[in-house]
Amino acid sequence: MDKINRGFQAKSLLENELFREVLNSLDEVYTAAWREARTPEAREDCHRYVKLCEKIVADIQSIANTGVIEQARQDELERGKKGFPWPKIM
């Protein structure tokens, strides 16, 4: 699968209501468990789970951003092939 399609799929996933609901629910559950944890190890586990959810979202966002960048690059290449001038870089 190419970078552009992966980017669109990642963006779609991040915008998916059910996916967002699941992530928010996990955050609430792990944050509540962290506050009620009775041992440092339990608190650390909850903290790791919250950070893992954040990492998952960040990784998906990165894929989405890569797709946007690749689409812009492809558009620039196509514009160049059609004889349009390249934009000036300051």
Protein backbone atom coordinates (compact mmCIF):
# COMPACT_ATOMS: atom_id res chain seq x y z
CA MET A 1 0.00 0.00 0.00
CA ASP A 2 1.40 3.39 -0.89
CA LYS A 3 2.03 6.24 1.54
CA ILE A 4 -0.87 8.34 0.29
CA ASN A 5 -3.46 5.58 0.75
CA ARG A 6 -2.02 4.69 4.16
CA GLY A 7 -2.25 8.36 5.08
CA PHE A 8 -5.90 8.57 4.08
CA GLN A 9 -6.68 5.41 6.02
CA ALA A 10 -4.84 6.71 9.08
CA LYS A 11 -6.70 10.03 8.91
CA SER A 12 -9.97 8.16 8.58
CA LEU A 13 -9.12 6.03 11.60
CA LEU A 14 -8.29 9.09 13.70
CA GLU A 15 -11.60 10.65 12.71
CA ASN A 16 -13.55 7.45 13.40
CA GLU A 17 -16.01 8.10 16.21
CA LEU A 18 -15.83 4.58 17.63
CA PHE A 19 -12.03 4.59 17.64
CA ARG A 20 -11.98 7.97 19.44
CA GLU A 21 -14.57 6.67 21.92
CA VAL A 22 -12.45 3.62 22.70
CA LEU A 23 -9.32 5.72 23.21
CA ASN A 24 -11.14 8.16 25.48
CA SER A 25 -12.61 5.29 27.45
CA LEU A 26 -9.20 3.67 27.90
CA ASP A 27 -7.75 6.98 29.05
CA GLU A 28 -10.52 7.41 31.61
CA VAL A 29 -10.18 3.84 32.89
CA TYR A 30 -6.40 3.96 33.23
CA THR A 31 -6.42 7.44 34.78
CA ALA A 32 -9.00 6.35 37.36
CA ALA A 33 -7.03 3.17 38.06
CA TRP A 34 -3.85 5.24 38.47
CA ARG A 35 -5.55 7.47 41.04
CA GLU A 36 -6.80 4.46 42.98
CA ALA A 37 -3.65 2.36 42.69
CA ARG A 38 -2.35 1.08 45.98
CA THR A 39 1.20 0.33 44.92
CA PRO A 40 3.83 2.20 42.95
CA GLU A 41 3.97 -0.70 40.50
CA ALA A 42 0.24 -0.45 39.80
CA ARG A 43 0.55 3.31 39.25
CA GLU A 44 3.47 2.75 36.88
CA ASP A 45 1.49 0.17 34.92
CA CYS A 46 -1.42 2.57 34.50
CA HIS A 47 0.94 5.34 33.46
CA ARG A 48 2.50 3.03 30.85
CA TYR A 49 -0.93 2.14 29.47
CA VAL A 50 -1.91 5.81 29.14
CA LYS A 51 1.40 6.57 27.41
CA LEU A 52 0.94 3.57 25.11
CA CYS A 53 -2.46 4.89 23.97
CA GLU A 54 -0.86 8.28 23.32
CA LYS A 55 1.92 6.58 21.33
CA ILE A 56 -0.60 4.68 19.21
CA VAL A 57 -2.39 7.91 18.31
CA ALA A 58 0.92 9.68 17.61
CA ASP A 59 2.04 6.86 15.31
CA ILE A 60 -1.24 6.91 13.40
CA GLN A 61 -1.02 10.71 13.14
CA SER A 62 2.49 10.37 11.76
CA ILE A 63 1.26 8.00 9.05
CA ALA A 64 -1.54 10.46 8.21
CA ASN A 65 0.96 13.34 8.00
CA THR A 66 3.27 11.29 5.79
CA GLY A 67 0.35 10.73 3.43
CA VAL A 68 -0.38 14.46 3.26
CA ILE A 69 3.28 15.23 2.56
CA GLU A 70 3.49 12.52 -0.10
CA GLN A 71 0.31 13.81 -1.76
CA ALA A 72 1.76 17.33 -1.84
CA ARG A 73 4.99 15.96 -3.33
CA GLN A 74 3.05 14.07 -5.99
CA ASP A 75 1.01 17.19 -6.78
CA GLU A 76 4.23 19.19 -7.18
CA LEU A 77 5.66 16.57 -9.52
CA GLU A 78 2.48 16.55 -11.61
CA ARG A 79 2.41 20.32 -11.75
CA GLY A 80 6.00 20.29 -12.97
CA LYS A 81 5.17 17.77 -15.68
CA LYS A 82 2.33 19.94 -16.95
CA GLY A 83 4.61 22.94 -17.39
CA PHE A 84 3.41 24.91 -14.40
CA PRO A 85 6.11 26.95 -12.72
CA TRP A 86 7.51 25.70 -9.47
CA PRO A 87 6.64 27.84 -6.46
CA LYS A 88 9.35 30.20 -5.29
CA ILE A 89 11.04 29.24 -2.05
CA MET A 90 11.95 32.10 0.19
